[in-house]
C-alpha atoms as a PDB file:
ATOM      1  CA  MET A   1      44.415 -86.296 -34.550  1.00  0.00           C
ATOM      2  CA  ARG A   2      40.699 -86.710 -34.650  1.00  0.00           C
ATOM      3  CA  ILE A   3      40.919 -89.436 -37.214  1.00  0.00           C
ATOM      4  CA  VAL A   4      43.394 -91.416 -35.159  1.00  0.00           C
ATOM      5  CA  LEU A   5      41.222 -91.052 -32.102  1.00  0.00           C
ATOM      6  CA  ALA A   6      38.132 -92.131 -34.047  1.00  0.00           C
ATOM      7  CA  ILE A   7      39.917 -95.197 -35.383  1.00  0.00           C
ATOM      8  CA  ALA A   8      41.258 -96.142 -31.940  1.00  0.00           C
ATOM      9  CA  LEU A   9      37.797 -95.828 -30.442  1.00  0.00           C
ATOM     10  CA  THR A  10      36.295 -97.846 -33.238  1.00  0.00           C
ATOM     11  CA  LEU A  11      38.855-100.609 -32.919  1.00  0.00           C
ATOM     12  CA  GLY A  12      38.477-100.606 -29.159  1.00  0.00           C
ATOM     13  CA  ALA A  13      34.740-100.926 -29.513  1.00  0.00           C
ATOM     14  CA  THR A  14      35.108-103.803 -31.996  1.00  0.00           C
ATOM     15  CA  SER A  15      37.320-105.959 -29.779  1.00  0.00           C
ATOM     16  CA  PRO A  16      34.659-108.684 -29.599  1.00  0.00           C
ATOM     17  CA  ALA A  17      35.145-109.079 -33.357  1.00  0.00           C
ATOM     18  CA  PHE A  18      38.605-110.542 -32.742  1.00  0.00           C
ATOM     19  CA  ALA A  19      37.037-113.353 -30.797  1.00  0.00           C
ATOM     20  CA  ALA A  20      35.215-114.597 -33.889  1.00  0.00           C
ATOM     21  CA  SER A  21      36.390-117.768 -35.579  1.00  0.00           C
ATOM     22  CA  GLY A  22      38.227-117.605 -38.824  1.00  0.00           C
ATOM     23  CA  PRO A  23      40.293-114.889 -40.396  1.00  0.00           C
ATOM     24  CA  PHE A  24      39.206-111.441 -39.315  1.00  0.00           C
ATOM     25  CA  PHE A  25      40.354-109.591 -42.446  1.00  0.00           C
ATOM     26  CA  SER A  26      38.111-111.534 -44.748  1.00  0.00           C
ATOM     27  CA  MET A  27      35.091-110.216 -46.585  1.00  0.00           C
ATOM     28  CA  SER A  28      33.156-113.213 -45.414  1.00  0.00           C
ATOM     29  CA  ASN A  29      33.547-112.103 -41.799  1.00  0.00           C
ATOM     30  CA  THR A  30      30.516-109.916 -41.041  1.00  0.00           C
ATOM     31  CA  ASN A  31      32.277-108.217 -38.156  1.00  0.00           C
ATOM     32  CA  PHE A  32      35.014-107.039 -40.506  1.00  0.00           C
ATOM     33  CA  VAL A  33      32.449-105.823 -43.058  1.00  0.00           C
ATOM     34  CA  VAL A  34      30.546-103.927 -40.355  1.00  0.00           C
ATOM     35  CA  LEU A  35      33.832-102.433 -39.160  1.00  0.00           C
ATOM     36  CA  LEU A  36      34.678-101.301 -42.677  1.00  0.00           C
ATOM     37  CA  GLY A  37      31.192 -99.834 -43.147  1.00  0.00           C
ATOM     38  CA  PHE A  38      31.445 -97.968 -39.877  1.00  0.00           C
ATOM     39  CA  LEU A  39      34.896 -96.635 -40.693  1.00  0.00           C
ATOM     40  CA  LEU A  40      33.674 -95.597 -44.127  1.00  0.00           C
ATOM     41  CA  PHE A  41      30.670 -93.850 -42.528  1.00  0.00           C
ATOM     42  CA  VAL A  42      32.897 -92.048 -40.014  1.00  0.00           C
ATOM     43  CA  GLY A  43      35.275 -91.101 -42.833  1.00  0.00           C
ATOM     44  CA  ILE A  44      32.436 -89.659 -44.914  1.00  0.00           C
ATOM     45  CA  LEU A  45      31.222 -87.683 -41.880  1.00  0.00           C
ATOM     46  CA  LEU A  46      34.713 -86.307 -41.347  1.00  0.00           C
ATOM     47  CA  PHE A  47      35.185 -85.619 -45.077  1.00  0.00           C
ATOM     48  CA  VAL A  48      31.918 -83.689 -45.289  1.00  0.00           C
ATOM     49  CA  LYS A  49      32.953 -81.869 -42.091  1.00  0.00           C
ATOM     50  CA  VAL A  50      29.825 -82.827 -40.169  1.00  0.00           C
ATOM     51  CA  PRO A  51      31.516 -82.266 -36.778  1.00  0.00           C
ATOM     52  CA  SER A  52      32.450 -78.691 -37.749  1.00  0.00           C
ATOM     53  CA  LEU A  53      28.912 -78.152 -39.077  1.00  0.00           C
ATOM     54  CA  LEU A  54      27.451 -79.486 -35.835  1.00  0.00           C
ATOM     55  CA  GLY A  55      29.902 -77.324 -33.865  1.00  0.00           C
ATOM     56  CA  GLY A  56      28.938 -74.294 -35.986  1.00  0.00           C
ATOM     57  CA  GLN A  57      25.261 -74.962 -35.414  1.00  0.00           C
ATOM     58  CA  LEU A  58      25.878 -75.405 -31.696  1.00  0.00           C
ATOM     59  CA  ASP A  59      27.927 -72.188 -31.656  1.00  0.00           C
ATOM     60  CA  ALA A  60      25.164 -70.369 -33.568  1.00  0.00           C
ATOM     61  CA  ARG A  61      22.601 -71.742 -31.126  1.00  0.00           C
ATOM     62  CA  ALA A  62      24.782 -70.675 -28.174  1.00  0.00           C
ATOM     63  CA  GLU A  63      25.209 -67.227 -29.729  1.00  0.00           C
ATOM     64  CA  GLY A  64      21.419 -66.977 -30.256  1.00  0.00           C
ATOM     65  CA  ILE A  65      20.827 -67.968 -26.649  1.00  0.00           C
ATOM     66  CA  GLN A  66      23.438 -65.429 -25.512  1.00  0.00           C
ATOM     67  CA  ASN A  67      21.727 -62.722 -27.607  1.00  0.00           C
ATOM     68  CA  GLU A  68      18.371 -63.647 -26.092  1.00  0.00           C
ATOM     69  CA  LEU A  69      19.908 -63.496 -22.614  1.00  0.00           C
ATOM     70  CA  ASN A  70      21.426 -60.079 -23.381  1.00  0.00           C
ATOM     71  CA  GLU A  71      18.088 -58.862 -24.726  1.00  0.00           C
ATOM     72  CA  ALA A  72      16.282 -60.238 -21.678  1.00  0.00           C
ATOM     73  CA  ARG A  73      18.836 -58.529 -19.418  1.00  0.00           C
ATOM     74  CA  ALA A  74      18.346 -55.237 -21.298  1.00  0.00           C
ATOM     75  CA  LEU A  75      14.560 -55.612 -21.042  1.00  0.00           C
ATOM     76  CA  ARG A  76      14.864 -56.353 -17.341  1.00  0.00           C
ATOM     77  CA  GLU A  77      17.008 -53.246 -16.787  1.00  0.00           C
ATOM     78  CA  GLU A  78      14.527 -51.182 -18.788  1.00  0.00           C
ATOM     79  CA  ALA A  79      11.656 -52.627 -16.747  1.00  0.00           C
ATOM     80  CA  GLN A  80      13.502 -51.801 -13.526  1.00  0.00           C
ATOM     81  CA  THR A  81      14.093 -48.267 -14.775  1.00  0.00           C
ATOM     82  CA  ILE A  82      10.416 -47.889 -15.652  1.00  0.00           C
ATOM     83  CA  LEU A  83       9.419 -49.374 -12.286  1.00  0.00           C
ATOM     84  CA  ALA A  84      11.697 -46.936 -10.462  1.00  0.00           C
ATOM     85  CA  SER A  85      10.222 -44.099 -12.510  1.00  0.00           C
ATOM     86  CA  TYR A  86       6.678 -45.156 -11.633  1.00  0.00           C
ATOM     87  CA  GLU A  87       7.623 -45.527  -7.969  1.00  0.00           C
ATOM     88  CA  ARG A  88       9.058 -42.004  -8.003  1.00  0.00           C
ATOM     89  CA  LYS A  89       5.922 -40.707  -9.694  1.00  0.00           C
ATOM     90  CA  GLN A  90       3.770 -42.573  -7.182  1.00  0.00           C
ATOM     91  CA  GLN A  91       5.736 -41.001  -4.318  1.00  0.00           C
ATOM     92  CA  GLU A  92       5.395 -37.563  -5.925  1.00  0.00           C
ATOM     93  CA  VAL A  93       1.649 -38.070  -6.370  1.00  0.00           C
ATOM     94  CA  GLN A  94       1.358 -39.268  -2.757  1.00  0.00           C
ATOM     95  CA  ALA A  95       3.281 -36.208  -1.542  1.00  0.00           C
ATOM     96  CA  GLN A  96       1.068 -33.956  -3.658  1.00  0.00           C
ATOM     97  CA  ALA A  97      -2.052 -35.664  -2.287  1.00  0.00           C
ATOM     98  CA  ASP A  98      -0.722 -35.155   1.255  1.00  0.00           C
ATOM     99  CA  ARG A  99      -0.125 -31.470   0.499  1.00  0.00           C
ATOM    100  CA  ILE A 100      -3.647 -31.132  -0.931  1.00  0.00           C
ATOM    101  CA  VAL A 101      -5.151 -32.804   2.140  1.00  0.00           C
ATOM    102  CA  ALA A 102      -3.108 -30.560   4.456  1.00  0.00           C
ATOM    103  CA  ALA A 103      -4.164 -27.462   2.484  1.00  0.00           C
ATOM    104  CA  ALA A 104      -7.797 -28.595   2.621  1.00  0.00           C
ATOM    105  CA  ARG A 105      -7.536 -29.081   6.384  1.00  0.00           C
ATOM    106  CA  ASP A 106      -5.982 -25.630   6.764  1.00  0.00           C
ATOM    107  CA  ASP A 107      -8.696 -24.097   4.570  1.00  0.00           C
ATOM    108  CA  ALA A 108     -11.393 -25.892   6.552  1.00  0.00           C
ATOM    109  CA  ALA A 109      -9.881 -24.681   9.833  1.00  0.00           C
ATOM    110  CA  ALA A 110      -9.663 -21.120   8.492  1.00  0.00           C
ATOM    111  CA  ALA A 111     -13.250 -21.312   7.233  1.00  0.00           C
ATOM    112  CA  ALA A 112     -14.356 -22.608  10.647  1.00  0.00           C
ATOM    113  CA  GLU A 113     -12.536 -19.732  12.369  1.00  0.00           C
ATOM    114  CA  ASP A 114     -14.127 -17.237   9.947  1.00  0.00           C
ATOM    115  CA  ALA A 115     -17.557 -18.762  10.544  1.00  0.00           C
ATOM    116  CA  LYS A 116     -16.969 -18.621  14.296  1.00  0.00           C
ATOM    117  CA  ALA A 117     -15.929 -14.953  14.074  1.00  0.00           C
ATOM    118  CA  ASP A 118     -18.926 -14.159  11.855  1.00  0.00           C
ATOM    119  CA  LEU A 119     -21.214 -15.954  14.310  1.00  0.00           C
ATOM    120  CA  GLU A 120     -19.771 -13.983  17.221  1.00  0.00           C
ATOM    121  CA  ILE A 121     -20.244 -10.728  15.288  1.00  0.00           C
ATOM    122  CA  SER A 122     -23.811 -11.725  14.410  1.00  0.00           C
ATOM    123  CA  ILE A 123     -24.554 -12.629  18.031  1.00  0.00           C
ATOM    124  CA  ALA A 124     -23.069  -9.326  19.184  1.00  0.00           C
ATOM    125  CA  ARG A 125     -25.218  -7.441  16.651  1.00  0.00           C
ATOM    126  CA  ARG A 126     -28.313  -9.305  17.742  1.00  0.00           C
ATOM    127  CA  LEU A 127     -27.507  -8.601  21.394  1.00  0.00           C
ATOM    128  CA  VAL A 128     -27.076  -4.899  20.606  1.00  0.00           C
ATOM    129  CA  ALA A 129     -30.330  -4.894  18.612  1.00  0.00           C
ATOM    130  CA  ALA A 130     -32.130  -6.708  21.456  1.00  0.00           C
ATOM    131  CA  GLU A 131     -30.701  -4.261  24.002  1.00  0.00           C
ATOM    132  CA  GLU A 132     -31.803  -1.365  21.796  1.00  0.00           C
ATOM    133  CA  GLN A 133     -35.278  -2.867  21.513  1.00  0.00           C
ATOM    134  CA  ILE A 134     -35.362  -3.380  25.284  1.00  0.00           C
ATOM    135  CA  ALA A 135     -34.174   0.187  25.855  1.00  0.00           C
ATOM    136  CA  SER A 136     -36.715   1.481  23.342  1.00  0.00           C
ATOM    137  CA  ALA A 137     -39.488  -0.542  24.952  1.00  0.00           C
ATOM    138  CA  GLU A 138     -38.322   0.634  28.365  1.00  0.00           C
ATOM    139  CA  ALA A 139     -38.251   4.260  27.216  1.00  0.00           C
ATOM    140  CA  SER A 140     -41.645   3.827  25.601  1.00  0.00           C
ATOM    141  CA  ALA A 141     -43.017   2.291  28.798  1.00  0.00           C
ATOM    142  CA  VAL A 142     -41.463   5.061  30.904  1.00  0.00           C
ATOM    143  CA  LYS A 143     -42.910   7.705  28.546  1.00  0.00           C
ATOM    144  CA  GLU A 144     -46.271   6.018  28.633  1.00  0.00           C
ATOM    145  CA  VAL A 145     -46.175   5.830  32.430  1.00  0.00           C
ATOM    146  CA  ARG A 146     -45.015   9.453  32.602  1.00  0.00           C
ATOM    147  CA  ASP A 147     -47.748  10.571  30.192  1.00  0.00           C
ATOM    148  CA  GLN A 148     -50.291   8.608  32.173  1.00  0.00           C
ATOM    149  CA  ALA A 149     -48.922  10.090  35.412  1.00  0.00           C
ATOM    150  CA  ILE A 150     -49.034  13.577  33.925  1.00  0.00           C
ATOM    151  CA  SER A 151     -52.579  13.173  32.698  1.00  0.00           C
ATOM    152  CA  ILE A 152     -53.615  11.747  36.086  1.00  0.00           C
ATOM    153  CA  ALA A 153     -51.773  14.578  37.869  1.00  0.00           C
ATOM    154  CA  VAL A 154     -53.344  17.137  35.577  1.00  0.00           C
ATOM    155  CA  ALA A 155     -56.777  15.640  36.136  1.00  0.00           C
ATOM    156  CA  ALA A 156     -56.209  15.512  39.884  1.00  0.00           C
ATOM    157  CA  ALA A 157     -54.817  19.051  39.921  1.00  0.00           C
ATOM    158  CA  ASP A 158     -57.764  20.197  37.847  1.00  0.00           C
ATOM    159  CA  GLN A 159     -60.183  18.709  40.307  1.00  0.00           C
ATOM    160  CA  VAL A 160     -58.308  20.114  43.299  1.00  0.00           C
ATOM    161  CA  ILE A 161     -57.963  23.529  41.689  1.00  0.00           C
ATOM    162  CA  ALA A 162     -61.573  23.511  40.527  1.00  0.00           C
ATOM    163  CA  LYS A 163     -62.747  22.873  44.072  1.00  0.00           C
ATOM    164  CA  GLN A 164     -60.444  25.336  45.777  1.00  0.00           C
ATOM    165  CA  MET A 165     -60.033  28.087  43.230  1.00  0.00           C
ATOM    166  CA  THR A 166     -62.185  31.047  42.630  1.00  0.00           C
ATOM    167  CA  ALA A 167     -62.755  32.812  39.361  1.00  0.00           C
ATOM    168  CA  THR A 168     -60.309  35.631  40.099  1.00  0.00           C
ATOM    169  CA  GLU A 169     -57.572  33.217  40.984  1.00  0.00           C
ATOM    170  CA  ALA A 170     -58.270  31.271  37.793  1.00  0.00           C
ATOM    171  CA  ASN A 171     -57.981  34.417  35.731  1.00  0.00           C
ATOM    172  CA  LYS A 172     -54.654  35.246  37.410  1.00  0.00           C
ATOM    173  CA  LEU A 173     -53.310  31.756  36.662  1.00  0.00           C
ATOM    174  CA  ILE A 174     -54.412  31.988  33.024  1.00  0.00           C
ATOM    175  CA  GLU A 175     -52.714  35.348  32.598  1.00  0.00           C
ATOM    176  CA  ALA A 176     -49.562  34.044  34.301  1.00  0.00           C
ATOM    177  CA  ALA A 177     -49.537  31.014  31.985  1.00  0.00           C
ATOM    178  CA  ILE A 178     -50.002  33.228  28.911  1.00  0.00           C
ATOM    179  CA  THR A 179     -47.151  35.464  30.048  1.00  0.00           C
ATOM    180  CA  ASP A 180     -44.965  32.403  30.766  1.00  0.00           C
ATOM    181  CA  VAL A 181     -45.672  30.907  27.325  1.00  0.00           C
ATOM    182  CA  ASN A 182     -45.105  34.290  25.681  1.00  0.00           C
ATOM    183  CA  ASP A 183     -41.737  34.631  27.448  1.00  0.00           C
ATOM    184  CA  LYS A 184     -40.674  31.134  26.476  1.00  0.00           C
ATOM    185  CA  LEU A 185     -41.728  31.444  22.826  1.00  0.00           C
ATOM    186  CA  HIS A 186     -40.242  34.896  22.185  1.00  0.00           C
END
């Protein structure tokens, strides 16, 4: 079938050769010689199976391209899988970072509360210590004033007694004081 088609196409393409003068089927007609050479060339190509070789090469090329497309598709799917894996890992890392930040904020808030409580305790201790110092200073001042008042009262009483008292009254007071001290000590 191919041969008939090739011959029909060749004869159809050589129709201008029929317009030449003289007998067409003569070896002196160059158009006829060219036609025979072309037909011989096409026959040799068909005999050597050049069209099937070209078809085989084209099929092999198409198969190679198809294999490359399949490999590219597989690589693309693998790349998408890896990308999805990295996106998941990135989301996990982001979630972990968020948890770490939240934990750090909570720890900082707890540390601030502890520091505040410690500061309040320290202030309370200092207030108590200051109040104790004030009370101690107050007691010391009161004692000092009392001692001073006693010594002034004793001095004043001594002067008053010395002016108003006689020797017999002084001896009575001394004996009464000795008796009082003896009663209190025994």
